[in-house]
Amino acid sequence: MEKEFVKLPENELDLKSLIQTFNTTLETIEKRLSRLEKMDSIEHRVEVNQIDLSDIKDSLQRIEESHSNELQHVNRRLDSHLVKIAKLEEDMIISIKK
């Protein structure tokens, strides 16, 4: 029994050492988790920005398509007006020559 009482301080030191090691390990794990959280946050922001950029790109493409369609329509109308003007000029030249 006395031997066990003598070993108690040694066991206590062993326990303290284990607790200290455990604390050190926990601190290391917390640091790693913190870095991972930062990385996750950065990755999330990058993903959100990529989504925003792709949405902007899609919107710009739709705008270009709609403007392209509008420009084609305007060009057709101008062409038809130019043809009408050309016919009127031709008619005027013919009527002047008579």
PDB file of N, CA and C in Angstrom:
ATOM      1  N   MET A   1       0.818  -1.177   0.000  1.00  0.00           N
ATOM      2  CA  MET A   1       0.000   0.000   0.000  1.00  0.00           C
ATOM      3  C   MET A   1       0.870   1.252   0.000  1.00  0.00           C
ATOM      4  N   GLU A   2       1.953   1.179   0.770  1.00  0.00           N
ATOM      5  CA  GLU A   2       2.856   2.326   0.818  1.00  0.00           C
ATOM      6  C   GLU A   2       3.464   2.599  -0.550  1.00  0.00           C
ATOM      7  N   LYS A   3       3.769   1.524  -1.246  1.00  0.00           N
ATOM      8  CA  LYS A   3       4.340   1.694  -2.587  1.00  0.00           C
ATOM      9  C   LYS A   3       3.381   2.464  -3.488  1.00  0.00           C
ATOM     10  N   GLU A   4       2.114   2.188  -3.339  1.00  0.00           N
ATOM     11  CA  GLU A   4       1.115   2.868  -4.143  1.00  0.00           C
ATOM     12  C   GLU A   4       1.031   4.350  -3.774  1.00  0.00           C
ATOM     13  N   PHE A   5       1.170   4.655  -2.506  1.00  0.00           N
ATOM     14  CA  PHE A   5       1.180   6.054  -2.084  1.00  0.00           C
ATOM     15  C   PHE A   5       2.421   6.773  -2.587  1.00  0.00           C
ATOM     16  N   VAL A   6       3.515   6.058  -2.651  1.00  0.00           N
ATOM     17  CA  VAL A   6       4.760   6.644  -3.147  1.00  0.00           C
ATOM     18  C   VAL A   6       4.630   6.917  -4.647  1.00  0.00           C
ATOM     19  N   LYS A   7       3.929   6.052  -5.332  1.00  0.00           N
ATOM     20  CA  LYS A   7       3.766   6.204  -6.785  1.00  0.00           C
ATOM     21  C   LYS A   7       2.756   7.303  -7.143  1.00  0.00           C
ATOM     22  N   LEU A   8       1.951   7.707  -6.218  1.00  0.00           N
ATOM     23  CA  LEU A   8       0.940   8.731  -6.494  1.00  0.00           C
ATOM     24  C   LEU A   8       1.532  10.035  -7.044  1.00  0.00           C
ATOM     25  N   PRO A   9       2.595  10.575  -6.442  1.00  0.00           N
ATOM     26  CA  PRO A   9       3.168  11.802  -7.015  1.00  0.00           C
ATOM     27  C   PRO A   9       3.691  11.576  -8.432  1.00  0.00           C
ATOM     28  N   GLU A  10       4.235  10.399  -8.696  1.00  0.00           N
ATOM     29  CA  GLU A  10       4.719  10.103 -10.047  1.00  0.00           C
ATOM     30  C   GLU A  10       3.540  10.054 -11.024  1.00  0.00           C
ATOM     31  N   ASN A  11       2.484   9.396 -10.584  1.00  0.00           N
ATOM     32  CA  ASN A  11       1.284   9.317 -11.421  1.00  0.00           C
ATOM     33  C   ASN A  11       0.693  10.703 -11.665  1.00  0.00           C
ATOM     34  N   GLU A  12       0.767  11.520 -10.624  1.00  0.00           N
ATOM     35  CA  GLU A  12       0.256  12.873 -10.771  1.00  0.00           C
ATOM     36  C   GLU A  12       1.071  13.646 -11.806  1.00  0.00           C
ATOM     37  N   LEU A  13       2.390  13.476 -11.770  1.00  0.00           N
ATOM     38  CA  LEU A  13       3.252  14.135 -12.755  1.00  0.00           C
ATOM     39  C   LEU A  13       2.966  13.615 -14.159  1.00  0.00           C
ATOM     40  N   ASP A  14       2.769  12.322 -14.267  1.00  0.00           N
ATOM     41  CA  ASP A  14       2.437  11.734 -15.566  1.00  0.00           C
ATOM     42  C   ASP A  14       1.119  12.299 -16.100  1.00  0.00           C
ATOM     43  N   LEU A  15       0.147  12.406 -15.199  1.00  0.00           N
ATOM     44  CA  LEU A  15      -1.146  12.954 -15.595  1.00  0.00           C
ATOM     45  C   LEU A  15      -1.019  14.420 -16.033  1.00  0.00           C
ATOM     46  N   LYS A  16      -0.247  15.191 -15.279  1.00  0.00           N
ATOM     47  CA  LYS A  16      -0.042  16.595 -15.639  1.00  0.00           C
ATOM     48  C   LYS A  16       0.646  16.704 -16.997  1.00  0.00           C
ATOM     49  N   SER A  17       1.615  15.834 -17.223  1.00  0.00           N
ATOM     50  CA  SER A  17       2.321  15.830 -18.501  1.00  0.00           C
ATOM     51  C   SER A  17       1.365  15.470 -19.643  1.00  0.00           C
ATOM     52  N   LEU A  18       0.530  14.486 -19.411  1.00  0.00           N
ATOM     53  CA  LEU A  18      -0.445  14.095 -20.427  1.00  0.00           C
ATOM     54  C   LEU A  18      -1.437  15.223 -20.721  1.00  0.00           C
ATOM     55  N   ILE A  19      -1.876  15.890 -19.672  1.00  0.00           N
ATOM     56  CA  ILE A  19      -2.810  17.001 -19.843  1.00  0.00           C
ATOM     57  C   ILE A  19      -2.147  18.127 -20.627  1.00  0.00           C
ATOM     58  N   GLN A  20      -0.896  18.403 -20.323  1.00  0.00           N
ATOM     59  CA  GLN A  20      -0.165  19.453 -21.039  1.00  0.00           C
ATOM     60  C   GLN A  20      -0.016  19.085 -22.517  1.00  0.00           C
ATOM     61  N   THR A  21       0.334  17.847 -22.768  1.00  0.00           N
ATOM     62  CA  THR A  21       0.460  17.379 -24.155  1.00  0.00           C
ATOM     63  C   THR A  21      -0.887  17.486 -24.873  1.00  0.00           C
ATOM     64  N   PHE A  22      -1.937  17.095 -24.176  1.00  0.00           N
ATOM     65  CA  PHE A  22      -3.274  17.177 -24.734  1.00  0.00           C
ATOM     66  C   PHE A  22      -3.639  18.627 -25.074  1.00  0.00           C
ATOM     67  N   ASN A  23      -3.320  19.551 -24.170  1.00  0.00           N
ATOM     68  CA  ASN A  23      -3.588  20.970 -24.404  1.00  0.00           C
ATOM     69  C   ASN A  23      -2.824  21.495 -25.619  1.00  0.00           C
ATOM     70  N   THR A  24      -1.570  21.102 -25.721  1.00  0.00           N
ATOM     71  CA  THR A  24      -0.751  21.520 -26.864  1.00  0.00           C
ATOM     72  C   THR A  24      -1.356  20.998 -28.164  1.00  0.00           C
ATOM     73  N   THR A  25      -1.757  19.741 -28.140  1.00  0.00           N
ATOM     74  CA  THR A  25      -2.370  19.145 -29.326  1.00  0.00           C
ATOM     75  C   THR A  25      -3.674  19.853 -29.683  1.00  0.00           C
ATOM     76  N   LEU A  26      -4.460  20.179 -28.677  1.00  0.00           N
ATOM     77  CA  LEU A  26      -5.711  20.902 -28.916  1.00  0.00           C
ATOM     78  C   LEU A  26      -5.459  22.280 -29.537  1.00  0.00           C
ATOM     79  N   GLU A  27      -4.449  22.964 -29.058  1.00  0.00           N
ATOM     80  CA  GLU A  27      -4.116  24.285 -29.613  1.00  0.00           C
ATOM     81  C   GLU A  27      -3.721  24.161 -31.081  1.00  0.00           C
ATOM     82  N   THR A  28      -2.939  23.133 -31.383  1.00  0.00           N
ATOM     83  CA  THR A  28      -2.527  22.904 -32.769  1.00  0.00           C
ATOM     84  C   THR A  28      -3.744  22.622 -33.649  1.00  0.00           C
ATOM     85  N   ILE A  29      -4.642  21.805 -33.159  1.00  0.00           N
ATOM     86  CA  ILE A  29      -5.858  21.478 -33.913  1.00  0.00           C
ATOM     87  C   ILE A  29      -6.713  22.725 -34.115  1.00  0.00           C
ATOM     88  N   GLU A  30      -6.829  23.555 -33.085  1.00  0.00           N
ATOM     89  CA  GLU A  30      -7.619  24.786 -33.197  1.00  0.00           C
ATOM     90  C   GLU A  30      -7.027  25.722 -34.249  1.00  0.00           C
ATOM     91  N   LYS A  31      -5.691  25.813 -34.279  1.00  0.00           N
ATOM     92  CA  LYS A  31      -5.044  26.662 -35.281  1.00  0.00           C
ATOM     93  C   LYS A  31      -5.332  26.151 -36.685  1.00  0.00           C
ATOM     94  N   ARG A  32      -5.225  24.839 -36.851  1.00  0.00           N
ATOM     95  CA  ARG A  32      -5.497  24.254 -38.169  1.00  0.00           C
ATOM     96  C   ARG A  32      -6.940  24.483 -38.581  1.00  0.00           C
ATOM     97  N   LEU A  33      -7.860  24.303 -37.649  1.00  0.00           N
ATOM     98  CA  LEU A  33      -9.276  24.538 -37.942  1.00  0.00           C
ATOM     99  C   LEU A  33      -9.527  25.996 -38.319  1.00  0.00           C
ATOM    100  N   SER A  34      -8.859  26.873 -37.628  1.00  0.00           N
ATOM    101  CA  SER A  34      -9.009  28.294 -37.930  1.00  0.00           C
ATOM    102  C   SER A  34      -8.559  28.583 -39.366  1.00  0.00           C
ATOM    103  N   ARG A  35      -7.414  28.008 -39.744  1.00  0.00           N
ATOM    104  CA  ARG A  35      -6.926  28.194 -41.114  1.00  0.00           C
ATOM    105  C   ARG A  35      -7.897  27.594 -42.126  1.00  0.00           C
ATOM    106  N   LEU A  36      -8.447  26.435 -41.803  1.00  0.00           N
ATOM    107  CA  LEU A  36      -9.411  25.808 -42.703  1.00  0.00           C
ATOM    108  C   LEU A  36     -10.669  26.654 -42.853  1.00  0.00           C
ATOM    109  N   GLU A  37     -11.117  27.239 -41.736  1.00  0.00           N
ATOM    110  CA  GLU A  37     -12.288  28.108 -41.800  1.00  0.00           C
ATOM    111  C   GLU A  37     -12.013  29.317 -42.689  1.00  0.00           C
ATOM    112  N   LYS A  38     -10.808  29.867 -42.573  1.00  0.00           N
ATOM    113  CA  LYS A  38     -10.444  30.999 -43.423  1.00  0.00           C
ATOM    114  C   LYS A  38     -10.437  30.573 -44.884  1.00  0.00           C
ATOM    115  N   MET A  39      -9.879  29.393 -45.161  1.00  0.00           N
ATOM    116  CA  MET A  39      -9.842  28.893 -46.536  1.00  0.00           C
ATOM    117  C   MET A  39     -11.261  28.673 -47.062  1.00  0.00           C
ATOM    118  N   ASP A  40     -12.124  28.090 -46.229  1.00  0.00           N
ATOM    119  CA  ASP A  40     -13.505  27.880 -46.638  1.00  0.00           C
ATOM    120  C   ASP A  40     -14.181  29.206 -46.947  1.00  0.00           C
ATOM    121  N   SER A  41     -13.902  30.195 -46.119  1.00  0.00           N
ATOM    122  CA  SER A  41     -14.493  31.516 -46.327  1.00  0.00           C
ATOM    123  C   SER A  41     -13.995  32.112 -47.648  1.00  0.00           C
ATOM    124  N   ILE A  42     -12.709  31.999 -47.903  1.00  0.00           N
ATOM    125  CA  ILE A  42     -12.133  32.523 -49.150  1.00  0.00           C
ATOM    126  C   ILE A  42     -12.718  31.777 -50.342  1.00  0.00           C
ATOM    127  N   GLU A  43     -12.778  30.442 -50.247  1.00  0.00           N
ATOM    128  CA  GLU A  43     -13.332  29.658 -51.346  1.00  0.00           C
ATOM    129  C   GLU A  43     -14.792  30.029 -51.587  1.00  0.00           C
ATOM    130  N   HIS A  44     -15.518  30.244 -50.515  1.00  0.00           N
ATOM    131  CA  HIS A  44     -16.927  30.624 -50.665  1.00  0.00           C
ATOM    132  C   HIS A  44     -17.041  31.963 -51.393  1.00  0.00           C
ATOM    133  N   ARG A  45     -16.212  32.925 -50.983  1.00  0.00           N
ATOM    134  CA  ARG A  45     -16.255  34.233 -51.645  1.00  0.00           C
ATOM    135  C   ARG A  45     -15.894  34.115 -53.114  1.00  0.00           C
ATOM    136  N   VAL A  46     -14.891  33.288 -53.414  1.00  0.00           N
ATOM    137  CA  VAL A  46     -14.488  33.100 -54.808  1.00  0.00           C
ATOM    138  C   VAL A  46     -15.642  32.496 -55.609  1.00  0.00           C
ATOM    139  N   GLU A  47     -16.304  31.485 -55.037  1.00  0.00           N
ATOM    140  CA  GLU A  47     -17.436  30.859 -55.726  1.00  0.00           C
ATOM    141  C   GLU A  47     -18.550  31.863 -55.964  1.00  0.00           C
ATOM    142  N   VAL A  48     -18.843  32.659 -54.956  1.00  0.00           N
ATOM    143  CA  VAL A  48     -19.909  33.662 -55.095  1.00  0.00           C
ATOM    144  C   VAL A  48     -19.535  34.667 -56.177  1.00  0.00           C
ATOM    145  N   ASN A  49     -18.279  35.107 -56.176  1.00  0.00           N
ATOM    146  CA  ASN A  49     -17.830  36.057 -57.188  1.00  0.00           C
ATOM    147  C   ASN A  49     -17.894  35.444 -58.582  1.00  0.00           C
ATOM    148  N   GLN A  50     -17.540  34.156 -58.697  1.00  0.00           N
ATOM    149  CA  GLN A  50     -17.618  33.497 -59.999  1.00  0.00           C
ATOM    150  C   GLN A  50     -19.064  33.428 -60.474  1.00  0.00           C
ATOM    151  N   ILE A  51     -19.967  33.144 -59.556  1.00  0.00           N
ATOM    152  CA  ILE A  51     -21.383  33.102 -59.919  1.00  0.00           C
ATOM    153  C   ILE A  51     -21.839  34.486 -60.360  1.00  0.00           C
ATOM    154  N   ASP A  52     -21.449  35.516 -59.611  1.00  0.00           N
ATOM    155  CA  ASP A  52     -21.807  36.882 -59.981  1.00  0.00           C
ATOM    156  C   ASP A  52     -21.267  37.226 -61.360  1.00  0.00           C
ATOM    157  N   LEU A  53     -20.008  36.878 -61.621  1.00  0.00           N
ATOM    158  CA  LEU A  53     -19.395  37.181 -62.913  1.00  0.00           C
ATOM    159  C   LEU A  53     -20.090  36.433 -64.041  1.00  0.00           C
ATOM    160  N   SER A  54     -20.431  35.178 -63.804  1.00  0.00           N
ATOM    161  CA  SER A  54     -21.115  34.430 -64.859  1.00  0.00           C
ATOM    162  C   SER A  54     -22.512  35.001 -65.114  1.00  0.00           C
ATOM    163  N   ASP A  55     -23.192  35.451 -64.048  1.00  0.00           N
ATOM    164  CA  ASP A  55     -24.500  36.100 -64.224  1.00  0.00           C
ATOM    165  C   ASP A  55     -24.361  37.386 -65.038  1.00  0.00           C
ATOM    166  N   ILE A  56     -23.341  38.163 -64.733  1.00  0.00           N
ATOM    167  CA  ILE A  56     -23.103  39.414 -65.467  1.00  0.00           C
ATOM    168  C   ILE A  56     -22.804  39.105 -66.933  1.00  0.00           C
ATOM    169  N   LYS A  57     -21.986  38.096 -67.163  1.00  0.00           N
ATOM    170  CA  LYS A  57     -21.642  37.712 -68.532  1.00  0.00           C
ATOM    171  C   LYS A  57     -22.889  37.290 -69.296  1.00  0.00           C
ATOM    172  N   ASP A  58     -23.735  36.466 -68.674  1.00  0.00           N
ATOM    173  CA  ASP A  58     -24.976  36.037 -69.313  1.00  0.00           C
ATOM    174  C   ASP A  58     -25.874  37.230 -69.636  1.00  0.00           C
ATOM    175  N   SER A  59     -25.972  38.152 -68.700  1.00  0.00           N
ATOM    176  CA  SER A  59     -26.794  39.342 -68.922  1.00  0.00           C
ATOM    177  C   SER A  59     -26.258  40.169 -70.085  1.00  0.00           C
ATOM    178  N   LEU A  60     -24.949  40.340 -70.127  1.00  0.00           N
ATOM    179  CA  LEU A  60     -24.349  41.104 -71.226  1.00  0.00           C
ATOM    180  C   LEU A  60     -24.592  40.424 -72.572  1.00  0.00           C
ATOM    181  N   GLN A  61     -24.500  39.109 -72.599  1.00  0.00           N
ATOM    182  CA  GLN A  61     -24.752  38.389 -73.846  1.00  0.00           C
ATOM    183  C   GLN A  61     -26.204  38.574 -74.290  1.00  0.00           C
ATOM    184  N   ARG A  62     -27.134  38.516 -73.335  1.00  0.00           N
ATOM    185  CA  ARG A  62     -28.543  38.728 -73.683  1.00  0.00           C
ATOM    186  C   ARG A  62     -28.765  40.145 -74.208  1.00  0.00           C
ATOM    187  N   ILE A  63     -28.104  41.115 -73.576  1.00  0.00           N
ATOM    188  CA  ILE A  63     -28.236  42.510 -74.024  1.00  0.00           C
ATOM    189  C   ILE A  63     -27.678  42.654 -75.436  1.00  0.00           C
ATOM    190  N   GLU A  64     -26.510  42.049 -75.680  1.00  0.00           N
ATOM    191  CA  GLU A  64     -25.911  42.117 -77.019  1.00  0.00           C
ATOM    192  C   GLU A  64     -26.832  41.483 -78.056  1.00  0.00           C
ATOM    193  N   GLU A  65     -27.423  40.345 -77.707  1.00  0.00           N
ATOM    194  CA  GLU A  65     -28.327  39.678 -78.647  1.00  0.00           C
ATOM    195  C   GLU A  65     -29.539  40.540 -78.946  1.00  0.00           C
ATOM    196  N   SER A  66     -30.109  41.132 -77.900  1.00  0.00           N
ATOM    197  CA  SER A  66     -31.299  41.963 -78.129  1.00  0.00           C
ATOM    198  C   SER A  66     -30.938  43.201 -78.949  1.00  0.00           C
ATOM    199  N   HIS A  67     -29.773  43.803 -78.661  1.00  0.00           N
ATOM    200  CA  HIS A  67     -29.357  44.973 -79.444  1.00  0.00           C
ATOM    201  C   HIS A  67     -29.037  44.568 -80.873  1.00  0.00           C
ATOM    202  N   SER A  68     -28.451  43.403 -81.015  1.00  0.00           N
ATOM    203  CA  SER A  68     -28.138  42.909 -82.356  1.00  0.00           C
ATOM    204  C   SER A  68     -29.423  42.736 -83.159  1.00  0.00           C
ATOM    205  N   ASN A  69     -30.439  42.155 -82.538  1.00  0.00           N
ATOM    206  CA  ASN A  69     -31.736  41.981 -83.202  1.00  0.00           C
ATOM    207  C   ASN A  69     -32.357  43.333 -83.542  1.00  0.00           C
ATOM    208  N   GLU A  70     -32.273  44.266 -82.599  1.00  0.00           N
ATOM    209  CA  GLU A  70     -32.825  45.597 -82.839  1.00  0.00           C
ATOM    210  C   GLU A  70     -32.081  46.288 -83.977  1.00  0.00           C
ATOM    211  N   LEU A  71     -30.752  46.160 -83.986  1.00  0.00           N
ATOM    212  CA  LEU A  71     -29.957  46.780 -85.050  1.00  0.00           C
ATOM    213  C   LEU A  71     -30.287  46.172 -86.407  1.00  0.00           C
ATOM    214  N   GLN A  72     -30.478  44.866 -86.447  1.00  0.00           N
ATOM    215  CA  GLN A  72     -30.852  44.227 -87.716  1.00  0.00           C
ATOM    216  C   GLN A  72     -32.189  44.769 -88.207  1.00  0.00           C
ATOM    217  N   HIS A  73     -33.129  44.931 -87.276  1.00  0.00           N
ATOM    218  CA  HIS A  73     -34.443  45.471 -87.637  1.00  0.00           C
ATOM    219  C   HIS A  73     -34.302  46.903 -88.161  1.00  0.00           C
ATOM    220  N   VAL A  74     -33.522  47.715 -87.469  1.00  0.00           N
ATOM    221  CA  VAL A  74     -33.303  49.108 -87.892  1.00  0.00           C
ATOM    222  C   VAL A  74     -32.619  49.130 -89.255  1.00  0.00           C
ATOM    223  N   ASN A  75     -31.624  48.271 -89.449  1.00  0.00           N
ATOM    224  CA  ASN A  75     -30.925  48.226 -90.736  1.00  0.00           C
ATOM    225  C   ASN A  75     -31.884  47.843 -91.869  1.00  0.00           C
ATOM    226  N   ARG A  76     -32.770  46.893 -91.627  1.00  0.00           N
ATOM    227  CA  ARG A  76     -33.755  46.504 -92.652  1.00  0.00           C
ATOM    228  C   ARG A  76     -34.668  47.678 -92.994  1.00  0.00           C
ATOM    229  N   ARG A  77     -35.092  48.387 -91.943  1.00  0.00           N
ATOM    230  CA  ARG A  77     -35.976  49.537 -92.190  1.00  0.00           C
ATOM    231  C   ARG A  77     -35.244  50.626 -92.971  1.00  0.00           C
ATOM    232  N   LEU A  78     -33.972  50.864 -92.602  1.00  0.00           N
ATOM    233  CA  LEU A  78     -33.193  51.874 -93.341  1.00  0.00           C
ATOM    234  C   LEU A  78     -32.999  51.447 -94.794  1.00  0.00           C
ATOM    235  N   ASP A  79     -32.716  50.168 -94.984  1.00  0.00           N
ATOM    236  CA  ASP A  79     -32.545  49.668 -96.351  1.00  0.00           C
ATOM    237  C   ASP A  79     -33.821  49.873 -97.163  1.00  0.00           C
ATOM    238  N   SER A  80     -34.970  49.567 -96.562  1.00  0.00           N
ATOM    239  CA  SER A  80     -36.229  49.741 -97.296  1.00  0.00           C
ATOM    240  C   SER A  80     -36.477  51.214 -97.606  1.00  0.00           C
ATOM    241  N   HIS A  81     -36.119  52.104 -96.668  1.00  0.00           N
ATOM    242  CA  HIS A  81     -36.273  53.545 -96.916  1.00  0.00           C
ATOM    243  C   HIS A  81     -35.319  54.008 -98.011  1.00  0.00           C
ATOM    244  N   LEU A  82     -34.113  53.478 -97.996  1.00  0.00           N
ATOM    245  CA  LEU A  82     -33.157  53.854 -99.045  1.00  0.00           C
ATOM    246  C   LEU A  82     -33.646  53.399-100.420  1.00  0.00           C
ATOM    247  N   VAL A  83     -34.237  52.216-100.458  1.00  0.00           N
ATOM    248  CA  VAL A  83     -34.785  51.724-101.731  1.00  0.00           C
ATOM    249  C   VAL A  83     -35.914  52.643-102.198  1.00  0.00           C
ATOM    250  N   LYS A  84     -36.793  53.052-101.276  1.00  0.00           N
ATOM    251  CA  LYS A  84     -37.879  53.967-101.630  1.00  0.00           C
ATOM    252  C   LYS A  84     -37.336  55.296-102.140  1.00  0.00           C
ATOM    253  N   ILE A  85     -36.316  55.824-101.446  1.00  0.00           N
ATOM    254  CA  ILE A  85     -35.711  57.100-101.859  1.00  0.00           C
ATOM    255  C   ILE A  85     -35.089  56.956-103.245  1.00  0.00           C
ATOM    256  N   ALA A  86     -34.395  55.831-103.445  1.00  0.00           N
ATOM    257  CA  ALA A  86     -33.763  55.608-104.750  1.00  0.00           C
ATOM    258  C   ALA A  86     -34.818  55.546-105.851  1.00  0.00           C
ATOM    259  N   LYS A  87     -35.940  54.876-105.603  1.00  0.00           N
ATOM    260  CA  LYS A  87     -37.025  54.806-106.603  1.00  0.00           C
ATOM    261  C   LYS A  87     -37.601  56.191-106.874  1.00  0.00           C
ATOM    262  N   LEU A  88     -37.791  56.982-105.810  1.00  0.00           N
ATOM    263  CA  LEU A  88     -38.309  58.337-105.998  1.00  0.00           C
ATOM    264  C   LEU A  88     -37.334  59.189-106.815  1.00  0.00           C
ATOM    265  N   GLU A  89     -36.035  59.076-106.520  1.00  0.00           N
ATOM    266  CA  GLU A  89     -35.029  59.827-107.284  1.00  0.00           C
ATOM    267  C   GLU A  89     -35.066  59.400-108.746  1.00  0.00           C
ATOM    268  N   GLU A  90     -35.176  58.108-108.940  1.00  0.00           N
ATOM    269  CA  GLU A  90     -35.230  57.594-110.306  1.00  0.00           C
ATOM    270  C   GLU A  90     -36.460  58.125-111.035  1.00  0.00           C
ATOM    271  N   ASP A  91     -37.589  58.084-110.334  1.00  0.00           N
ATOM    272  CA  ASP A  91     -38.822  58.627-110.925  1.00  0.00           C
ATOM    273  C   ASP A  91     -38.679  60.106-111.221  1.00  0.00           C
ATOM    274  N   MET A  92     -38.027  60.844-110.307  1.00  0.00           N
ATOM    275  CA  MET A  92     -37.850  62.289-110.535  1.00  0.00           C
ATOM    276  C   MET A  92     -36.941  62.529-111.732  1.00  0.00           C
ATOM    277  N   ILE A  93     -35.882  61.756-111.854  1.00  0.00           N
ATOM    278  CA  ILE A  93     -34.961  61.936-112.985  1.00  0.00           C
ATOM    279  C   ILE A  93     -35.692  61.619-114.300  1.00  0.00           C
ATOM    280  N   ILE A  94     -36.460  60.545-114.275  1.00  0.00           N
ATOM    281  CA  ILE A  94     -37.212  60.162-115.494  1.00  0.00           C
ATOM    282  C   ILE A  94     -38.228  61.243-115.849  1.00  0.00           C
ATOM    283  N   SER A  95     -38.915  61.788-114.833  1.00  0.00           N
ATOM    284  CA  SER A  95     -39.940  62.803-115.108  1.00  0.00           C
ATOM    285  C   SER A  95     -39.298  64.111-115.588  1.00  0.00           C
ATOM    286  N   ILE A  96     -38.079  64.411-115.131  1.00  0.00           N
ATOM    287  CA  ILE A  96     -37.393  65.648-115.566  1.00  0.00           C
ATOM    288  C   ILE A  96     -36.951  65.491-117.013  1.00  0.00           C
ATOM    289  N   LYS A  97     -36.489  64.314-117.383  1.00  0.00           N
ATOM    290  CA  LYS A  97     -36.003  64.070-118.739  1.00  0.00           C
ATOM    291  C   LYS A  97     -37.152  64.124-119.740  1.00  0.00           C
ATOM    292  N   LYS A  98     -38.367  63.888-119.337  1.00  0.00           N
ATOM    293  CA  LYS A  98     -39.485  63.900-120.277  1.00  0.00           C
ATOM    294  C   LYS A  98     -39.873  65.277-120.609  1.00  0.00           C
TER     295      LYS A  98
END
